C-alpha atoms as a PDB file:
ATOM      1  CA  MET A   1      17.524 -14.647 -27.602  1.00  0.00           C
ATOM      2  CA  GLY A   2      13.785 -14.454 -27.359  1.00  0.00           C
ATOM      3  CA  HIS A   3      12.206 -13.117 -24.217  1.00  0.00           C
ATOM      4  CA  GLY A   4       8.624 -13.764 -23.302  1.00  0.00           C
ATOM      5  CA  GLY A   5       6.469 -16.511 -21.973  1.00  0.00           C
ATOM      6  CA  ASN A   6       6.103 -17.533 -18.386  1.00  0.00           C
ATOM      7  CA  VAL A   7       8.477 -16.624 -15.567  1.00  0.00           C
ATOM      8  CA  ILE A   8      10.478 -19.832 -15.934  1.00  0.00           C
ATOM      9  CA  GLN A   9      10.979 -19.324 -19.673  1.00  0.00           C
ATOM     10  CA  GLU A  10      11.944 -15.672 -19.131  1.00  0.00           C
ATOM     11  CA  LEU A  11      14.485 -16.378 -16.408  1.00  0.00           C
ATOM     12  CA  THR A  12      15.924 -19.384 -18.239  1.00  0.00           C
ATOM     13  CA  THR A  13      16.493 -17.154 -21.291  1.00  0.00           C
ATOM     14  CA  ASP A  14      18.340 -14.711 -19.016  1.00  0.00           C
ATOM     15  CA  HIS A  15      20.477 -17.585 -17.718  1.00  0.00           C
ATOM     16  CA  ARG A  16      21.465 -18.596 -21.260  1.00  0.00           C
ATOM     17  CA  GLU A  17      22.321 -15.009 -22.201  1.00  0.00           C
ATOM     18  CA  VAL A  18      24.613 -14.606 -19.188  1.00  0.00           C
ATOM     19  CA  GLU A  19      26.250 -17.975 -19.886  1.00  0.00           C
ATOM     20  CA  GLU A  20      26.911 -16.835 -23.460  1.00  0.00           C
ATOM     21  CA  ILE A  21      28.649 -13.703 -22.102  1.00  0.00           C
ATOM     22  CA  PHE A  22      30.684 -15.857 -19.709  1.00  0.00           C
ATOM     23  CA  GLY A  23      31.785 -18.027 -22.635  1.00  0.00           C
ATOM     24  CA  ARG A  24      32.892 -14.949 -24.568  1.00  0.00           C
ATOM     25  CA  ILE A  25      34.906 -13.764 -21.550  1.00  0.00           C
ATOM     26  CA  GLU A  26      36.577 -17.168 -21.188  1.00  0.00           C
ATOM     27  CA  ALA A  27      37.517 -17.165 -24.895  1.00  0.00           C
ATOM     28  CA  LEU A  28      39.473 -13.906 -24.575  1.00  0.00           C
ATOM     29  CA  PRO A  29      43.078 -13.761 -23.384  1.00  0.00           C
ATOM     30  CA  PRO A  30      43.719 -12.546 -19.810  1.00  0.00           C
ATOM     31  CA  GLY A  31      44.124  -8.776 -19.651  1.00  0.00           C
ATOM     32  CA  SER A  32      42.052  -8.107 -22.790  1.00  0.00           C
ATOM     33  CA  LYS A  33      40.079  -4.893 -22.326  1.00  0.00           C
ATOM     34  CA  ASN A  34      37.063  -6.622 -23.901  1.00  0.00           C
ATOM     35  CA  ARG A  35      36.949  -8.911 -20.850  1.00  0.00           C
ATOM     36  CA  LYS A  36      36.051  -5.819 -18.773  1.00  0.00           C
ATOM     37  CA  VAL A  37      33.415  -4.699 -21.296  1.00  0.00           C
ATOM     38  CA  LEU A  38      31.859  -8.168 -21.202  1.00  0.00           C
ATOM     39  CA  ALA A  39      32.125  -8.351 -17.405  1.00  0.00           C
ATOM     40  CA  ASP A  40      30.188  -5.066 -17.249  1.00  0.00           C
ATOM     41  CA  GLN A  41      27.563  -6.496 -19.640  1.00  0.00           C
ATOM     42  CA  ALA A  42      27.250  -9.620 -17.482  1.00  0.00           C
ATOM     43  CA  THR A  43      26.922  -7.495 -14.351  1.00  0.00           C
ATOM     44  CA  MET A  44      24.226  -5.338 -15.933  1.00  0.00           C
ATOM     45  CA  GLU A  45      22.219  -8.423 -16.912  1.00  0.00           C
ATOM     46  CA  LEU A  46      22.762 -10.183 -13.584  1.00  0.00           C
ATOM     47  CA  VAL A  47      21.711  -7.170 -11.509  1.00  0.00           C
ATOM     48  CA  ARG A  48      18.534  -6.612 -13.550  1.00  0.00           C
ATOM     49  CA  HIS A  49      17.751 -10.339 -13.349  1.00  0.00           C
ATOM     50  CA  SER A  50      18.369 -10.442  -9.589  1.00  0.00           C
ATOM     51  CA  ILE A  51      16.180  -7.413  -8.884  1.00  0.00           C
ATOM     52  CA  ALA A  52      13.315  -8.977 -10.855  1.00  0.00           C
ATOM     53  CA  GLU A  53      13.692 -12.282  -9.019  1.00  0.00           C
ATOM     54  CA  GLU A  54      13.837 -10.561  -5.639  1.00  0.00           C
ATOM     55  CA  SER A  55      10.772  -8.448  -6.420  1.00  0.00           C
ATOM     56  CA  TYR A  56       8.505 -11.163  -7.848  1.00  0.00           C
ATOM     57  CA  LEU A  57       9.933 -14.685  -8.063  1.00  0.00           C
ATOM     58  CA  TYR A  58      11.022 -15.164  -4.459  1.00  0.00           C
ATOM     59  CA  PRO A  59       7.833 -13.707  -2.943  1.00  0.00           C
ATOM     60  CA  ALA A  60       5.879 -16.176  -5.137  1.00  0.00           C
ATOM     61  CA  VAL A  61       8.139 -19.023  -3.972  1.00  0.00           C
ATOM     62  CA  ARG A  62       7.499 -18.029  -0.341  1.00  0.00           C
ATOM     63  CA  GLU A  63       3.746 -17.950  -0.947  1.00  0.00           C
ATOM     64  CA  HIS A  64       3.219 -21.035  -3.109  1.00  0.00           C
ATOM     65  CA  VAL A  65       6.074 -23.533  -2.713  1.00  0.00           C
ATOM     66  CA  PRO A  66       6.228 -25.804   0.329  1.00  0.00           C
ATOM     67  CA  GLY A  67       9.340 -24.794   2.285  1.00  0.00           C
ATOM     68  CA  GLY A  68       9.449 -21.635   0.171  1.00  0.00           C
ATOM     69  CA  ASP A  69      10.807 -19.375   2.908  1.00  0.00           C
ATOM     70  CA  ALA A  70      13.982 -21.446   3.253  1.00  0.00           C
ATOM     71  CA  ILE A  71      14.379 -21.710  -0.528  1.00  0.00           C
ATOM     72  CA  ALA A  72      13.941 -17.956  -1.039  1.00  0.00           C
ATOM     73  CA  ASP A  73      16.324 -17.149   1.825  1.00  0.00           C
ATOM     74  CA  LYS A  74      19.029 -19.360   0.275  1.00  0.00           C
ATOM     75  CA  GLU A  75      18.537 -17.721  -3.123  1.00  0.00           C
ATOM     76  CA  LEU A  76      18.828 -14.256  -1.555  1.00  0.00           C
ATOM     77  CA  GLU A  77      22.078 -15.327   0.129  1.00  0.00           C
ATOM     78  CA  ASP A  78      23.398 -16.451  -3.264  1.00  0.00           C
ATOM     79  CA  HIS A  79      22.460 -13.074  -4.746  1.00  0.00           C
ATOM     80  CA  ALA A  80      24.157 -11.171  -1.920  1.00  0.00           C
ATOM     81  CA  GLY A  81      27.408 -13.088  -2.425  1.00  0.00           C
ATOM     82  CA  ALA A  82      27.380 -12.543  -6.187  1.00  0.00           C
ATOM     83  CA  GLU A  83      26.550  -8.870  -5.733  1.00  0.00           C
ATOM     84  CA  ARG A  84      29.564  -8.360  -3.452  1.00  0.00           C
ATOM     85  CA  ILE A  85      31.819  -9.942  -6.087  1.00  0.00           C
ATOM     86  CA  MET A  86      30.300  -7.748  -8.824  1.00  0.00           C
ATOM     87  CA  LYS A  87      30.849  -4.663  -6.668  1.00  0.00           C
ATOM     88  CA  ASP A  88      34.520  -5.622  -6.240  1.00  0.00           C
ATOM     89  CA  LEU A  89      34.843  -6.240  -9.998  1.00  0.00           C
ATOM     90  CA  GLU A  90      33.286  -2.880 -10.823  1.00  0.00           C
ATOM     91  CA  GLY A  91      36.420  -0.988  -9.757  1.00  0.00           C
ATOM     92  CA  LEU A  92      38.932  -3.232 -11.544  1.00  0.00           C
ATOM     93  CA  GLU A  93      40.307  -3.213 -15.061  1.00  0.00           C
ATOM     94  CA  ALA A  94      40.877  -6.474 -16.950  1.00  0.00           C
ATOM     95  CA  ASP A  95      44.645  -6.294 -16.443  1.00  0.00           C
ATOM     96  CA  ASP A  96      44.337  -6.087 -12.637  1.00  0.00           C
ATOM     97  CA  PRO A  97      45.632  -9.316 -11.050  1.00  0.00           C
ATOM     98  CA  GLN A  98      42.394  -9.679  -9.022  1.00  0.00           C
ATOM     99  CA  PHE A  99      40.109  -9.363 -12.047  1.00  0.00           C
ATOM    100  CA  ASP A 100      40.484 -12.961 -13.292  1.00  0.00           C
ATOM    101  CA  THR A 101      40.209 -14.397  -9.777  1.00  0.00           C
ATOM    102  CA  LEU A 102      36.995 -12.496  -9.052  1.00  0.00           C
ATOM    103  CA  MET A 103      35.560 -13.218 -12.498  1.00  0.00           C
ATOM    104  CA  ALA A 104      36.187 -16.952 -12.043  1.00  0.00           C
ATOM    105  CA  ARG A 105      34.497 -16.840  -8.617  1.00  0.00           C
ATOM    106  CA  LEU A 106      31.507 -14.953 -10.029  1.00  0.00           C
ATOM    107  CA  MET A 107      31.092 -17.387 -12.925  1.00  0.00           C
ATOM    108  CA  SER A 108      31.328 -20.370 -10.586  1.00  0.00           C
ATOM    109  CA  GLU A 109      28.773 -18.939  -8.149  1.00  0.00           C
ATOM    110  CA  ILE A 110      26.353 -17.917 -10.905  1.00  0.00           C
ATOM    111  CA  ARG A 111      26.613 -21.296 -12.649  1.00  0.00           C
ATOM    112  CA  SER A 112      25.898 -23.091  -9.376  1.00  0.00           C
ATOM    113  CA  HIS A 113      22.973 -20.755  -8.624  1.00  0.00           C
ATOM    114  CA  VAL A 114      21.506 -21.254 -12.116  1.00  0.00           C
ATOM    115  CA  ALA A 115      21.780 -25.045 -11.870  1.00  0.00           C
ATOM    116  CA  ASP A 116      20.035 -24.993  -8.485  1.00  0.00           C
ATOM    117  CA  GLU A 117      17.214 -22.763  -9.745  1.00  0.00           C
ATOM    118  CA  GLU A 118      16.643 -24.747 -12.918  1.00  0.00           C
ATOM    119  CA  GLN A 119      16.867 -28.195 -11.312  1.00  0.00           C
ATOM    120  CA  ASN A 120      15.104 -27.486  -8.003  1.00  0.00           C
ATOM    121  CA  LEU A 121      13.273 -24.167  -7.678  1.00  0.00           C
ATOM    122  CA  PHE A 122      11.699 -23.926 -11.137  1.00  0.00           C
ATOM    123  CA  PRO A 123      10.167 -27.438 -11.101  1.00  0.00           C
ATOM    124  CA  LYS A 124       8.718 -26.802  -7.627  1.00  0.00           C
ATOM    125  CA  LEU A 125       7.272 -23.461  -8.711  1.00  0.00           C
ATOM    126  CA  GLU A 126       5.833 -24.978 -11.878  1.00  0.00           C
ATOM    127  CA  GLN A 127       4.134 -27.671  -9.806  1.00  0.00           C
ATOM    128  CA  ALA A 128       2.771 -25.171  -7.256  1.00  0.00           C
ATOM    129  CA  CYS A 129       1.440 -22.456  -9.602  1.00  0.00           C
ATOM    130  CA  SER A 130      -1.105 -22.355 -12.384  1.00  0.00           C
ATOM    131  CA  ALA A 131      -0.038 -21.610 -15.944  1.00  0.00           C
ATOM    132  CA  ASP A 132      -1.792 -18.223 -15.689  1.00  0.00           C
ATOM    133  CA  ALA A 133       0.071 -17.340 -12.493  1.00  0.00           C
ATOM    134  CA  LEU A 134       3.398 -18.243 -14.129  1.00  0.00           C
ATOM    135  CA  MET A 135       2.547 -16.076 -17.175  1.00  0.00           C
ATOM    136  CA  ASP A 136       1.596 -13.178 -14.893  1.00  0.00           C
ATOM    137  CA  LEU A 137       4.908 -13.542 -13.038  1.00  0.00           C
ATOM    138  CA  GLY A 138       6.739 -13.546 -16.384  1.00  0.00           C
ATOM    139  CA  ASP A 139       5.096 -10.225 -17.299  1.00  0.00           C
ATOM    140  CA  LYS A 140       5.999  -8.712 -13.918  1.00  0.00           C
ATOM    141  CA  VAL A 141       9.621  -9.877 -14.191  1.00  0.00           C
ATOM    142  CA  ARG A 142       9.970  -8.383 -17.698  1.00  0.00           C
ATOM    143  CA  ARG A 143       8.558  -5.046 -16.486  1.00  0.00           C
ATOM    144  CA  ALA A 144      10.843  -5.041 -13.435  1.00  0.00           C
ATOM    145  CA  LYS A 145      13.947  -5.636 -15.554  1.00  0.00           C
ATOM    146  CA  LYS A 146      13.170  -2.554 -17.670  1.00  0.00           C
ATOM    147  CA  THR A 147      13.512  -0.192 -14.690  1.00  0.00           C
ATOM    148  CA  ALA A 148      15.931  -2.193 -12.510  1.00  0.00           C
ATOM    149  CA  PRO A 149      19.399  -0.982 -11.567  1.00  0.00           C
ATOM    150  CA  THR A 150      22.320  -2.086 -13.757  1.00  0.00           C
ATOM    151  CA  ARG A 151      25.027  -1.790 -11.109  1.00  0.00           C
ATOM    152  CA  PRO A 152      25.458  -3.744  -7.892  1.00  0.00           C
ATOM    153  CA  HIS A 153      24.051  -2.099  -4.756  1.00  0.00           C
ATOM    154  CA  PRO A 154      24.927  -4.563  -1.975  1.00  0.00           C
ATOM    155  CA  ALA A 155      23.438  -2.391   0.781  1.00  0.00           C
ATOM    156  CA  ALA A 156      20.060  -1.980  -0.963  1.00  0.00           C
ATOM    157  CA  PRO A 157      17.045  -3.886   0.386  1.00  0.00           C
ATOM    158  CA  ASP A 158      16.356  -7.218  -1.323  1.00  0.00           C
ATOM    159  CA  LYS A 159      12.787  -7.855  -0.148  1.00  0.00           C
ATOM    160  CA  PRO A 160       9.460  -6.187  -0.945  1.00  0.00           C
ATOM    161  CA  PRO A 161       8.186  -3.601  -0.454  1.00  0.00           C
ATOM    162  CA  ALA A 162      11.400  -1.561   0.013  1.00  0.00           C
ATOM    163  CA  ASN A 163      13.206  -3.075  -2.983  1.00  0.00           C
ATOM    164  CA  LYS A 164      10.246  -2.390  -5.281  1.00  0.00           C
ATOM    165  CA  MET A 165      10.146   1.249  -4.194  1.00  0.00           C
ATOM    166  CA  LEU A 166      13.891   1.958  -4.459  1.00  0.00           C
ATOM    167  CA  ALA A 167      14.904  -0.100  -7.528  1.00  0.00           C
ATOM    168  CA  PRO A 168      13.370   2.147 -10.232  1.00  0.00           C
ATOM    169  CA  GLY A 169      15.151   5.262  -8.908  1.00  0.00           C
ATOM    170  CA  ALA A 170      18.475   3.472  -8.606  1.00  0.00           C
ATOM    171  CA  GLY A 171      17.875   1.979 -12.040  1.00  0.00           C
ATOM    172  CA  LEU A 172      17.357   5.385 -13.606  1.00  0.00           C
ATOM    173  CA  VAL A 173      20.576   6.732 -12.070  1.00  0.00           C
ATOM    174  CA  ASP A 174      22.498   3.610 -13.131  1.00  0.00           C
ATOM    175  CA  ARG A 175      21.262   3.787 -16.726  1.00  0.00           C
ATOM    176  CA  LEU A 176      22.180   7.486 -16.931  1.00  0.00           C
ATOM    177  CA  ARG A 177      25.680   6.719 -15.615  1.00  0.00           C
ATOM    178  CA  ASP A 178      25.998   3.835 -18.090  1.00  0.00           C
ATOM    179  CA  ALA A 179      24.904   6.018 -21.016  1.00  0.00           C
ATOM    180  CA  MET A 180      27.312   8.809 -20.079  1.00  0.00           C
ATOM    181  CA  SER A 181      30.283   6.506 -19.516  1.00  0.00           C
ATOM    182  CA  GLY A 182      29.579   4.014 -22.324  1.00  0.00           C
ATOM    183  CA  ARG A 183      29.699   1.185 -19.744  1.00  0.00           C
ATOM    184  CA  GLY A 184      28.933  -2.215 -21.207  1.00  0.00           C
ATOM    185  CA  LYS A 185      29.267  -1.052 -24.820  1.00  0.00           C
ATOM    186  CA  GLU A 186      31.670  -2.804 -27.174  1.00  0.00           C
ATOM    187  CA  ASP A 187      33.786  -0.665 -29.513  1.00  0.00           C
END
């Protein structure tokens, strides 16, 4: 799928890519090892996406959108819940009895979060920000995703400036671990 454009276009593309992975997981039989590979791919995308949102989108929501603090706080709560589920999934294989339960919870939470962002947050942000500001945010989000972690780190800070300082280092370590282990790669 094509990335680029303003922050809303970029994040909506991410949402569609994760939904496509979820659909592929749902199409596989329970216990299939490819469900774990796809779950790892979804986690990698979701973590990168979340870090970028936490670094740039939510601060912009706080600054520009009326009631933005409450909106951003709710979004961060959603992220924290999803990150805990992803952390629990990380240690499970697809044939573990908990895997399907946790995967279903993660998909449900992410789908609800995406619907809320696309129906509520994005229209408010689009109304509150200029086209240039939204394009600038899109560029920042794309850059952040390139260096963001790929594994859940529930104890890591989720607000600037600490998250912006720590994410690239954690991201480097995560990508090295992924490359060495083959995590998220299909056979």
